[in-house]
Each structure stands twice: as C-alpha cells, then as structure tokens.
Amino acid sequence: MGIAEGELTSMALCWRLERVDGAGIALASHDQALVRDGISFEPAPGMMPASITRSLGLEADSGEVAGALSSEALDSEDLALGRWNGARAKLEAVDWNDTEGSAIALLGGEIGTVAVDGDGFTADLHGAAARLAEAVCPATSAECRASFGDKKCRVDLAGRSLRASVVEAVDGTLTLDRQIDDRFVLGRLRYMSGANCGLTTIILAADGATVRIRDLPRAAVEFGCRIELREGCDKRFETCVTRFGNAVNFRGEPHLPGNDLLTRYHGA
C-alpha cells in the first residue's frame, strides 16, 4: 500500500535545500526528526507547500512554499539578505513510519523570489524543466559570453584575488585599508565577515583605496569587515588577447558585422 493510500496515512513532506555557497538544510513537516538516506531532517511542521503545479509535458513545474521561521538555520536575516535565493530544492513525500521505504518525488529545482513577512516567509519554486525556456543557442555578440574564469573562459584565477578590510562604507562606496588598481574593475567583491558574509557584488570602479560597487550592501558594513576582491574582465577581444593571452577561448564574434551593415555606403 502506498503512503497516500488507506483511511489513515503517515505522510510527511521532506525538504532538502542547498544554497549556492554550499550550506544546506533538511526539514520535515513532522513533529520529530526523520532520518532518510543518512540525512537527518529537522522537524519543521510549519514548512508546507502553498501550491505545486506539475505537468506531463515539457511545461516547467512550479510551486510556492510558505512556512514559519522556526528553524535556527532558516532565519529571517539570511532570507532577507538573499542567501537562499537560487538554492537547489528537492521536495519528497515519505512515510514517517518507514523512512527507508519508497518516496514520492514532488518537485526538484531552484528557489526563486523569497519574501519575508513577520515570523513567516514565502518562496517561489522553479522546477528543473524551467531551463527548457532558455535559448537553445546563444545570440551572437561582440563581447565574450563566458563568465571570467569558468570552464568556457579557462583563465586560471590563481593569484588573481586579494583580501582587504573596509575602513569606511558610504552607500555603494567602500574605502579599503590598501590600494588596488583597475584590474579589479568589473571583478567580484565577496564579504568574508560581518552581516553580509558570503554575499557578493560587482566592482564598478576602483580609485586607489576606494571602490564603488554595483549593489548596495543589504546590511550595514562594519569597520574592519574583511572582503575578498577578484580581478575582472571587460569581455572585449582586445583585453582577452593582450591581457590574458586567451584568444582561443574567446566566446564572442568581435569581427562580425553589426546591424548597421545595410546602412553603410561607399564613401560614408
């Protein structure tokens, strides 16, 4: 007999959430901890799906989860700071009387928008089929489409980062305890301590010990906050050739005529 059959059932919903930084949590809609596949699911009776939509075709599965902030590992600050945005999620229905038995897979994918309201929260869930909505092949571009240092770019990032401490923070401008050069423009800044620890943003400008970042810090940046800065790339072919010697891995079409080709005429 299946876990959803019979007059009485012993079904519990088990959630596995893994953030992009590697941290994770396992929760169960039960009043006691459940152990399945060597993973202990923390009791979280208030963690329930508000809606789940599944399809037999190629349409993307979707859902919404609502819950109370009852778990110490799932607090309002982390949710508000966006640490759980994009986290991988897996939802199964299991028999809490027989956790080693078969389970019903309900949804697997990523967490989208998260909203915190008082002592509760809601989050959108996007199934794996949502990736089918992405373009089959990339559009042409004069700039490189790879992310700096990824498996397509292949630039070795070893030795291309440094650490510093924040002396002053005013809106989107940080003053550091050391000088940096323009190699770090369009690079990544990661907070290594403080309330924003683990969050990242993009460096828009660098002038000596001052850097301007793209995203305003979601929490206050304390004096002495440690940060990591990684070099950036403006994705131009000239930069790829002269600075990195990586033309063979350039993922763009810098010599392809632009949209103004048809408007050109002799002597223009």
C-alpha atoms as a PDB file:
ATOM      1  CA  MET A   1       0.000   0.000   0.000  1.00  0.00           C
ATOM      2  CA  GLY A   2       1.364   3.428  -0.924  1.00  0.00           C
ATOM      3  CA  ILE A   3       1.971   6.140   1.656  1.00  0.00           C
ATOM      4  CA  ALA A   4      -1.013   8.148   0.381  1.00  0.00           C
ATOM      5  CA  GLU A   5      -3.459   5.215   0.381  1.00  0.00           C
ATOM      6  CA  GLY A   6      -5.805   3.979   3.087  1.00  0.00           C
ATOM      7  CA  GLU A   7      -8.059   5.700   5.585  1.00  0.00           C
ATOM      8  CA  LEU A   8      -5.136   6.790   7.723  1.00  0.00           C
ATOM      9  CA  THR A   9      -1.803   7.943   6.343  1.00  0.00           C
ATOM     10  CA  SER A  10       1.560   8.727   7.881  1.00  0.00           C
ATOM     11  CA  MET A  11       2.873  11.029   5.202  1.00  0.00           C
ATOM     12  CA  ALA A  12       5.425  13.757   5.838  1.00  0.00           C
ATOM     13  CA  LEU A  13       6.943  16.246   3.425  1.00  0.00           C
ATOM     14  CA  CYS A  14      10.748  16.285   3.371  1.00  0.00           C
ATOM     15  CA  TRP A  15      12.640  19.291   2.042  1.00  0.00           C
ATOM     16  CA  ARG A  16      16.318  19.388   1.087  1.00  0.00           C
ATOM     17  CA  LEU A  17      17.701  22.865   0.452  1.00  0.00           C
ATOM     18  CA  GLU A  18      21.264  23.625  -0.646  1.00  0.00           C
ATOM     19  CA  ARG A  19      22.476  27.201  -1.073  1.00  0.00           C
ATOM     20  CA  VAL A  20      24.830  28.317  -3.818  1.00  0.00           C
ATOM     21  CA  ASP A  21      27.598  28.739  -1.210  1.00  0.00           C
ATOM     22  CA  GLY A  22      27.299  25.060  -0.231  1.00  0.00           C
ATOM     23  CA  ALA A  23      25.402  25.457   3.046  1.00  0.00           C
ATOM     24  CA  GLY A  24      22.276  23.347   3.314  1.00  0.00           C
ATOM     25  CA  ILE A  25      19.401  22.237   5.497  1.00  0.00           C
ATOM     26  CA  ALA A  26      16.939  19.342   5.606  1.00  0.00           C
ATOM     27  CA  LEU A  27      13.441  19.900   7.009  1.00  0.00           C
ATOM     28  CA  ALA A  28      10.379  17.705   7.535  1.00  0.00           C
ATOM     29  CA  SER A  29       6.739  18.632   8.103  1.00  0.00           C
ATOM     30  CA  HIS A  30       6.674  16.421  11.196  1.00  0.00           C
ATOM     31  CA  ASP A  31       6.987  16.933  14.944  1.00  0.00           C
ATOM     32  CA  GLN A  32      10.082  14.716  15.194  1.00  0.00           C
ATOM     33  CA  ALA A  33      13.336  14.433  13.277  1.00  0.00           C
ATOM     34  CA  LEU A  34      13.341  11.932  10.406  1.00  0.00           C
ATOM     35  CA  VAL A  35      16.444  10.162   9.085  1.00  0.00           C
ATOM     36  CA  ARG A  36      16.455   9.158   5.424  1.00  0.00           C
ATOM     37  CA  ASP A  37      19.421   8.240   3.211  1.00  0.00           C
ATOM     38  CA  GLY A  38      21.740   9.155   6.057  1.00  0.00           C
ATOM     39  CA  ILE A  39      20.320  12.696   6.279  1.00  0.00           C
ATOM     40  CA  SER A  40      18.560  13.961   9.401  1.00  0.00           C
ATOM     41  CA  PHE A  41      15.515  16.063   8.534  1.00  0.00           C
ATOM     42  CA  GLU A  42      14.853  18.648  11.229  1.00  0.00           C
ATOM     43  CA  PRO A  43      11.232  18.882  12.442  1.00  0.00           C
ATOM     44  CA  ALA A  44       9.502  21.918  10.913  1.00  0.00           C
ATOM     45  CA  PRO A  45       5.723  21.353  10.986  1.00  0.00           C
ATOM     46  CA  GLY A  46       5.071  24.881   9.686  1.00  0.00           C
ATOM     47  CA  MET A  47       7.009  24.268   6.456  1.00  0.00           C
ATOM     48  CA  MET A  48       4.288  23.500   3.916  1.00  0.00           C
ATOM     49  CA  PRO A  49       3.852  23.935   0.163  1.00  0.00           C
ATOM     50  CA  ALA A  50       1.273  26.598  -0.657  1.00  0.00           C
ATOM     51  CA  SER A  51       0.886  25.261  -4.193  1.00  0.00           C
ATOM     52  CA  ILE A  52       2.576  22.794  -6.551  1.00  0.00           C
ATOM     53  CA  THR A  53       1.932  22.562 -10.295  1.00  0.00           C
ATOM     54  CA  ARG A  54       3.204  19.540 -12.225  1.00  0.00           C
ATOM     55  CA  SER A  55       2.765  18.612 -15.881  1.00  0.00           C
ATOM     56  CA  LEU A  56       3.352  15.541 -18.041  1.00  0.00           C
ATOM     57  CA  GLY A  57       4.627  17.585 -20.990  1.00  0.00           C
ATOM     58  CA  LEU A  58       7.559  19.957 -21.334  1.00  0.00           C
ATOM     59  CA  GLU A  59       5.940  22.769 -19.376  1.00  0.00           C
ATOM     60  CA  ALA A  60       8.006  23.825 -16.382  1.00  0.00           C
ATOM     61  CA  ASP A  61       6.885  22.556 -12.976  1.00  0.00           C
ATOM     62  CA  SER A  62       6.436  25.297 -10.404  1.00  0.00           C
ATOM     63  CA  GLY A  63       5.353  25.792  -6.844  1.00  0.00           C
ATOM     64  CA  GLU A  64       5.312  28.000  -3.793  1.00  0.00           C
ATOM     65  CA  VAL A  65       6.335  27.200  -0.253  1.00  0.00           C
ATOM     66  CA  ALA A  66       5.172  29.015   2.856  1.00  0.00           C
ATOM     67  CA  GLY A  67       6.420  28.451   6.355  1.00  0.00           C
ATOM     68  CA  ALA A  68       7.192  29.754   9.788  1.00  0.00           C
ATOM     69  CA  LEU A  69      10.725  30.773  10.675  1.00  0.00           C
ATOM     70  CA  SER A  70      11.037  28.006  13.268  1.00  0.00           C
ATOM     71  CA  SER A  71      14.414  26.612  12.201  1.00  0.00           C
ATOM     72  CA  GLU A  72      17.597  28.230  13.502  1.00  0.00           C
ATOM     73  CA  ALA A  73      19.257  27.554  10.151  1.00  0.00           C
ATOM     74  CA  LEU A  74      16.436  29.239   8.222  1.00  0.00           C
ATOM     75  CA  ASP A  75      16.175  32.666   9.833  1.00  0.00           C
ATOM     76  CA  SER A  76      14.709  35.906   8.558  1.00  0.00           C
ATOM     77  CA  GLU A  77      18.085  37.649   8.196  1.00  0.00           C
ATOM     78  CA  ASP A  78      19.502  35.039   5.807  1.00  0.00           C
ATOM     79  CA  LEU A  79      16.284  35.060   3.775  1.00  0.00           C
ATOM     80  CA  ALA A  80      16.173  38.863   3.617  1.00  0.00           C
ATOM     81  CA  LEU A  81      19.839  39.069   2.629  1.00  0.00           C
ATOM     82  CA  GLY A  82      19.180  36.705  -0.278  1.00  0.00           C
ATOM     83  CA  ARG A  83      21.410  33.868   0.905  1.00  0.00           C
ATOM     84  CA  TRP A  84      18.734  31.334  -0.070  1.00  0.00           C
ATOM     85  CA  ASN A  85      18.000  32.834  -3.492  1.00  0.00           C
ATOM     86  CA  GLY A  86      18.819  30.318  -6.219  1.00  0.00           C
ATOM     87  CA  ALA A  87      19.222  27.467  -3.717  1.00  0.00           C
ATOM     88  CA  ARG A  88      18.579  23.960  -5.014  1.00  0.00           C
ATOM     89  CA  ALA A  89      15.424  22.452  -3.578  1.00  0.00           C
ATOM     90  CA  LYS A  90      14.039  18.921  -3.501  1.00  0.00           C
ATOM     91  CA  LEU A  91      10.635  18.009  -2.101  1.00  0.00           C
ATOM     92  CA  GLU A  92       9.519  14.445  -1.388  1.00  0.00           C
ATOM     93  CA  ALA A  93       6.633  12.808   0.432  1.00  0.00           C
ATOM     94  CA  VAL A  94       7.751   9.975   2.713  1.00  0.00           C
ATOM     95  CA  ASP A  95       6.180   7.644   5.251  1.00  0.00           C
ATOM     96  CA  TRP A  96       7.391   8.721   8.672  1.00  0.00           C
ATOM     97  CA  ASN A  97       6.723   5.176   9.927  1.00  0.00           C
ATOM     98  CA  ASP A  98       9.069   3.754   7.257  1.00  0.00           C
ATOM     99  CA  THR A  99      11.621   6.356   6.220  1.00  0.00           C
ATOM    100  CA  GLU A 100      13.680   3.758   4.329  1.00  0.00           C
ATOM    101  CA  GLY A 101      10.750   2.908   2.077  1.00  0.00           C
ATOM    102  CA  SER A 102       9.844   4.450  -1.250  1.00  0.00           C
ATOM    103  CA  ALA A 103       9.140   8.165  -1.523  1.00  0.00           C
ATOM    104  CA  ILE A 104       7.022  10.284  -3.843  1.00  0.00           C
ATOM    105  CA  ALA A 105       9.098  12.943  -5.613  1.00  0.00           C
ATOM    106  CA  LEU A 106       7.029  16.123  -5.803  1.00  0.00           C
ATOM    107  CA  LEU A 107       9.388  18.808  -7.053  1.00  0.00           C
ATOM    108  CA  GLY A 108      13.047  19.467  -7.720  1.00  0.00           C
ATOM    109  CA  GLY A 109      14.597  22.710  -8.890  1.00  0.00           C
ATOM    110  CA  GLU A 110      15.624  26.105  -7.551  1.00  0.00           C
ATOM    111  CA  ILE A 111      14.241  28.696  -5.157  1.00  0.00           C
ATOM    112  CA  GLY A 112      13.283  31.936  -6.863  1.00  0.00           C
ATOM    113  CA  THR A 113      11.900  35.030  -5.164  1.00  0.00           C
ATOM    114  CA  VAL A 114      11.813  34.968  -1.356  1.00  0.00           C
ATOM    115  CA  ALA A 115       9.575  37.281   0.689  1.00  0.00           C
ATOM    116  CA  VAL A 116       9.716  37.629   4.483  1.00  0.00           C
ATOM    117  CA  ASP A 117       6.614  38.752   6.365  1.00  0.00           C
ATOM    118  CA  GLY A 118       6.868  38.926  10.137  1.00  0.00           C
ATOM    119  CA  ASP A 119       7.570  35.450  11.520  1.00  0.00           C
ATOM    120  CA  GLY A 120       6.866  33.693   8.209  1.00  0.00           C
ATOM    121  CA  PHE A 121       8.102  33.603   4.662  1.00  0.00           C
ATOM    122  CA  THR A 122       7.073  32.563   1.153  1.00  0.00           C
ATOM    123  CA  ALA A 123       9.314  31.414  -1.700  1.00  0.00           C
ATOM    124  CA  ASP A 124       8.749  30.547  -5.348  1.00  0.00           C
ATOM    125  CA  LEU A 125       9.994  27.168  -6.572  1.00  0.00           C
ATOM    126  CA  HIS A 126      11.066  26.591 -10.162  1.00  0.00           C
ATOM    127  CA  GLY A 127      11.291  23.024 -11.448  1.00  0.00           C
ATOM    128  CA  ALA A 128      14.226  21.693 -13.457  1.00  0.00           C
ATOM    129  CA  ALA A 129      12.168  21.910 -16.660  1.00  0.00           C
ATOM    130  CA  ALA A 130      12.298  25.703 -16.381  1.00  0.00           C
ATOM    131  CA  ARG A 131      15.723  25.502 -18.018  1.00  0.00           C
ATOM    132  CA  LEU A 132      13.993  24.414 -21.225  1.00  0.00           C
ATOM    133  CA  ALA A 133      12.790  28.004 -21.608  1.00  0.00           C
ATOM    134  CA  GLU A 134      16.381  29.156 -22.118  1.00  0.00           C
ATOM    135  CA  ALA A 135      17.692  29.797 -25.609  1.00  0.00           C
ATOM    136  CA  VAL A 136      18.966  26.675 -27.405  1.00  0.00           C
ATOM    137  CA  CYS A 137      21.981  28.527 -28.751  1.00  0.00           C
ATOM    138  CA  PRO A 138      23.398  31.908 -27.679  1.00  0.00           C
ATOM    139  CA  ALA A 139      22.897  35.053 -29.734  1.00  0.00           C
ATOM    140  CA  THR A 140      25.983  36.466 -31.403  1.00  0.00           C
ATOM    141  CA  SER A 141      27.794  39.254 -29.596  1.00  0.00           C
ATOM    142  CA  ALA A 142      30.954  41.277 -29.993  1.00  0.00           C
ATOM    143  CA  GLU A 143      31.733  40.722 -26.303  1.00  0.00           C
ATOM    144  CA  CYS A 144      32.631  37.414 -24.688  1.00  0.00           C
ATOM    145  CA  ARG A 145      29.666  35.458 -23.349  1.00  0.00           C
ATOM    146  CA  ALA A 146      31.696  33.349 -20.907  1.00  0.00           C
ATOM    147  CA  SER A 147      31.987  34.182 -17.237  1.00  0.00           C
ATOM    148  CA  PHE A 148      35.501  35.154 -16.242  1.00  0.00           C
ATOM    149  CA  GLY A 149      37.411  32.069 -15.118  1.00  0.00           C
ATOM    150  CA  ASP A 150      34.685  29.489 -15.831  1.00  0.00           C
ATOM    151  CA  LYS A 151      35.158  26.262 -17.818  1.00  0.00           C
ATOM    152  CA  LYS A 152      34.496  28.107 -21.089  1.00  0.00           C
ATOM    153  CA  CYS A 153      36.829  31.003 -20.348  1.00  0.00           C
ATOM    154  CA  ARG A 154      39.571  28.808 -18.819  1.00  0.00           C
ATOM    155  CA  VAL A 155      41.620  31.715 -17.454  1.00  0.00           C
ATOM    156  CA  ASP A 156      43.430  30.498 -14.323  1.00  0.00           C
ATOM    157  CA  LEU A 157      42.172  32.588 -11.401  1.00  0.00           C
ATOM    158  CA  ALA A 158      45.004  31.541  -9.086  1.00  0.00           C
ATOM    159  CA  GLY A 159      46.803  34.643  -7.860  1.00  0.00           C
ATOM    160  CA  ARG A 160      44.155  36.981  -9.260  1.00  0.00           C
ATOM    161  CA  SER A 161      42.496  37.856  -5.951  1.00  0.00           C
ATOM    162  CA  LEU A 162      43.451  39.686  -2.783  1.00  0.00           C
ATOM    163  CA  ARG A 163      41.963  40.408   0.609  1.00  0.00           C
ATOM    164  CA  ALA A 164      41.418  43.717   2.345  1.00  0.00           C
ATOM    165  CA  SER A 165      39.497  45.294   5.213  1.00  0.00           C
ATOM    166  CA  VAL A 166      36.866  48.005   4.975  1.00  0.00           C
ATOM    167  CA  VAL A 167      37.784  51.281   6.673  1.00  0.00           C
ATOM    168  CA  GLU A 168      34.647  53.192   5.718  1.00  0.00           C
ATOM    169  CA  ALA A 169      31.419  52.396   3.878  1.00  0.00           C
ATOM    170  CA  VAL A 170      29.126  55.093   2.477  1.00  0.00           C
ATOM    171  CA  ASP A 171      26.251  53.750   0.397  1.00  0.00           C
ATOM    172  CA  GLY A 172      27.869  51.958  -2.544  1.00  0.00           C
ATOM    173  CA  THR A 173      31.421  53.220  -1.957  1.00  0.00           C
ATOM    174  CA  LEU A 174      33.910  51.341   0.201  1.00  0.00           C
ATOM    175  CA  THR A 175      37.235  52.666   1.450  1.00  0.00           C
ATOM    176  CA  LEU A 176      39.809  49.912   1.998  1.00  0.00           C
ATOM    177  CA  ASP A 177      42.988  49.582   4.009  1.00  0.00           C
ATOM    178  CA  ARG A 178      45.054  49.016   0.860  1.00  0.00           C
ATOM    179  CA  GLN A 179      45.422  50.286  -2.687  1.00  0.00           C
ATOM    180  CA  ILE A 180      44.051  48.384  -5.681  1.00  0.00           C
ATOM    181  CA  ASP A 181      44.339  49.032  -9.412  1.00  0.00           C
ATOM    182  CA  ASP A 182      41.883  48.996 -12.293  1.00  0.00           C
ATOM    183  CA  ARG A 183      42.448  45.277 -12.966  1.00  0.00           C
ATOM    184  CA  PHE A 184      39.712  44.690 -10.395  1.00  0.00           C
ATOM    185  CA  VAL A 185      37.108  46.810 -12.199  1.00  0.00           C
ATOM    186  CA  LEU A 186      34.152  44.565 -13.169  1.00  0.00           C
ATOM    187  CA  GLY A 187      35.555  41.938 -10.830  1.00  0.00           C
ATOM    188  CA  ARG A 188      33.854  40.294  -7.872  1.00  0.00           C
ATOM    189  CA  LEU A 189      33.797  41.539  -4.291  1.00  0.00           C
ATOM    190  CA  ARG A 190      32.862  38.980  -1.626  1.00  0.00           C
ATOM    191  CA  TYR A 191      32.188  39.820   2.013  1.00  0.00           C
ATOM    192  CA  MET A 192      34.190  37.491   4.245  1.00  0.00           C
ATOM    193  CA  SER A 193      32.863  38.649   7.629  1.00  0.00           C
ATOM    194  CA  GLY A 194      30.073  40.687   9.135  1.00  0.00           C
ATOM    195  CA  ALA A 195      26.340  40.610   8.455  1.00  0.00           C
ATOM    196  CA  ASN A 196      26.888  40.366   4.688  1.00  0.00           C
ATOM    197  CA  CYS A 197      29.295  37.422   4.957  1.00  0.00           C
ATOM    198  CA  GLY A 198      29.115  35.216   1.865  1.00  0.00           C
ATOM    199  CA  LEU A 199      27.329  37.746  -0.327  1.00  0.00           C
ATOM    200  CA  THR A 200      28.970  39.049  -3.494  1.00  0.00           C
ATOM    201  CA  THR A 201      28.706  42.068  -5.751  1.00  0.00           C
ATOM    202  CA  ILE A 202      30.457  43.590  -8.766  1.00  0.00           C
ATOM    203  CA  ILE A 203      33.164  46.264  -8.606  1.00  0.00           C
ATOM    204  CA  LEU A 204      32.207  49.173 -10.881  1.00  0.00           C
ATOM    205  CA  ALA A 205      35.168  51.475 -10.273  1.00  0.00           C
ATOM    206  CA  ALA A 206      38.462  51.499  -8.391  1.00  0.00           C
ATOM    207  CA  ASP A 207      40.451  54.590  -7.411  1.00  0.00           C
ATOM    208  CA  GLY A 208      43.328  53.891  -5.085  1.00  0.00           C
ATOM    209  CA  ALA A 209      41.865  52.617  -1.839  1.00  0.00           C
ATOM    210  CA  THR A 210      38.275  53.410  -2.856  1.00  0.00           C
ATOM    211  CA  VAL A 211      35.978  51.061  -4.748  1.00  0.00           C
ATOM    212  CA  ARG A 212      32.430  51.603  -5.970  1.00  0.00           C
ATOM    213  CA  ILE A 213      30.206  48.545  -6.027  1.00  0.00           C
ATOM    214  CA  ARG A 214      27.102  47.731  -8.068  1.00  0.00           C
ATOM    215  CA  ASP A 215      24.760  46.567  -5.298  1.00  0.00           C
ATOM    216  CA  LEU A 216      24.164  48.447  -2.088  1.00  0.00           C
ATOM    217  CA  PRO A 217      25.034  46.277   0.934  1.00  0.00           C
ATOM    218  CA  ARG A 218      21.869  44.649   2.279  1.00  0.00           C
ATOM    219  CA  ALA A 219      23.155  45.014   5.825  1.00  0.00           C
ATOM    220  CA  ALA A 220      25.472  47.559   7.389  1.00  0.00           C
ATOM    221  CA  VAL A 221      29.174  47.100   6.587  1.00  0.00           C
ATOM    222  CA  GLU A 222      31.116  47.287   9.828  1.00  0.00           C
ATOM    223  CA  PHE A 223      34.541  48.878  10.287  1.00  0.00           C
ATOM    224  CA  GLY A 224      37.180  46.207   9.756  1.00  0.00           C
ATOM    225  CA  CYS A 225      34.890  43.949   7.681  1.00  0.00           C
ATOM    226  CA  ARG A 226      37.075  41.584   5.662  1.00  0.00           C
ATOM    227  CA  ILE A 227      36.455  41.302   1.936  1.00  0.00           C
ATOM    228  CA  GLU A 228      37.926  39.407  -0.992  1.00  0.00           C
ATOM    229  CA  LEU A 229      38.408  41.104  -4.347  1.00  0.00           C
ATOM    230  CA  ARG A 230      38.907  39.199  -7.575  1.00  0.00           C
ATOM    231  CA  GLU A 231      40.130  40.605 -10.867  1.00  0.00           C
ATOM    232  CA  GLY A 232      37.575  41.431 -13.519  1.00  0.00           C
ATOM    233  CA  CYS A 233      37.328  41.396 -17.294  1.00  0.00           C
ATOM    234  CA  ASP A 234      35.536  43.824 -19.629  1.00  0.00           C
ATOM    235  CA  LYS A 235      34.876  40.924 -22.069  1.00  0.00           C
ATOM    236  CA  ARG A 236      36.496  42.696 -25.030  1.00  0.00           C
ATOM    237  CA  PHE A 237      38.515  40.689 -27.525  1.00  0.00           C
ATOM    238  CA  GLU A 238      41.441  43.108 -27.223  1.00  0.00           C
ATOM    239  CA  THR A 239      41.576  42.536 -23.460  1.00  0.00           C
ATOM    240  CA  CYS A 240      41.369  38.779 -23.914  1.00  0.00           C
ATOM    241  CA  VAL A 241      44.344  38.849 -26.296  1.00  0.00           C
ATOM    242  CA  THR A 242      46.656  41.410 -24.714  1.00  0.00           C
ATOM    243  CA  ARG A 243      45.991  40.881 -21.006  1.00  0.00           C
ATOM    244  CA  PHE A 244      45.188  37.200 -20.736  1.00  0.00           C
ATOM    245  CA  GLY A 245      46.553  35.672 -23.956  1.00  0.00           C
ATOM    246  CA  ASN A 246      43.315  33.717 -24.182  1.00  0.00           C
ATOM    247  CA  ALA A 247      42.010  34.439 -27.676  1.00  0.00           C
ATOM    248  CA  VAL A 248      41.462  30.738 -28.416  1.00  0.00           C
ATOM    249  CA  ASN A 249      38.769  30.619 -25.706  1.00  0.00           C
ATOM    250  CA  PHE A 250      37.078  33.913 -26.542  1.00  0.00           C
ATOM    251  CA  ARG A 251      33.311  33.259 -26.674  1.00  0.00           C
ATOM    252  CA  GLY A 252      32.195  36.066 -28.959  1.00  0.00           C
ATOM    253  CA  GLU A 253      32.257  37.322 -32.552  1.00  0.00           C
ATOM    254  CA  PRO A 254      34.271  40.567 -32.455  1.00  0.00           C
ATOM    255  CA  HIS A 255      34.736  40.742 -36.237  1.00  0.00           C
ATOM    256  CA  LEU A 256      31.133  40.012 -37.208  1.00  0.00           C
ATOM    257  CA  PRO A 257      29.478  42.997 -38.985  1.00  0.00           C
ATOM    258  CA  GLY A 258      26.930  44.821 -36.843  1.00  0.00           C
ATOM    259  CA  ASN A 259      23.334  45.794 -37.516  1.00  0.00           C
ATOM    260  CA  ASP A 260      24.449  48.965 -39.289  1.00  0.00           C
ATOM    261  CA  LEU A 261      25.961  46.992 -42.207  1.00  0.00           C
ATOM    262  CA  LEU A 262      22.982  47.648 -44.513  1.00  0.00           C
ATOM    263  CA  THR A 263      23.087  51.407 -43.865  1.00  0.00           C
ATOM    264  CA  ARG A 264      26.696  51.746 -44.913  1.00  0.00           C
ATOM    265  CA  TYR A 265      27.522  53.064 -48.351  1.00  0.00           C
ATOM    266  CA  HIS A 266      30.651  53.827 -50.303  1.00  0.00           C
ATOM    267  CA  GLY A 267      32.399  56.914 -49.089  1.00  0.00           C
ATOM    268  CA  ALA A 268      30.493  57.128 -45.803  1.00  0.00           C
END
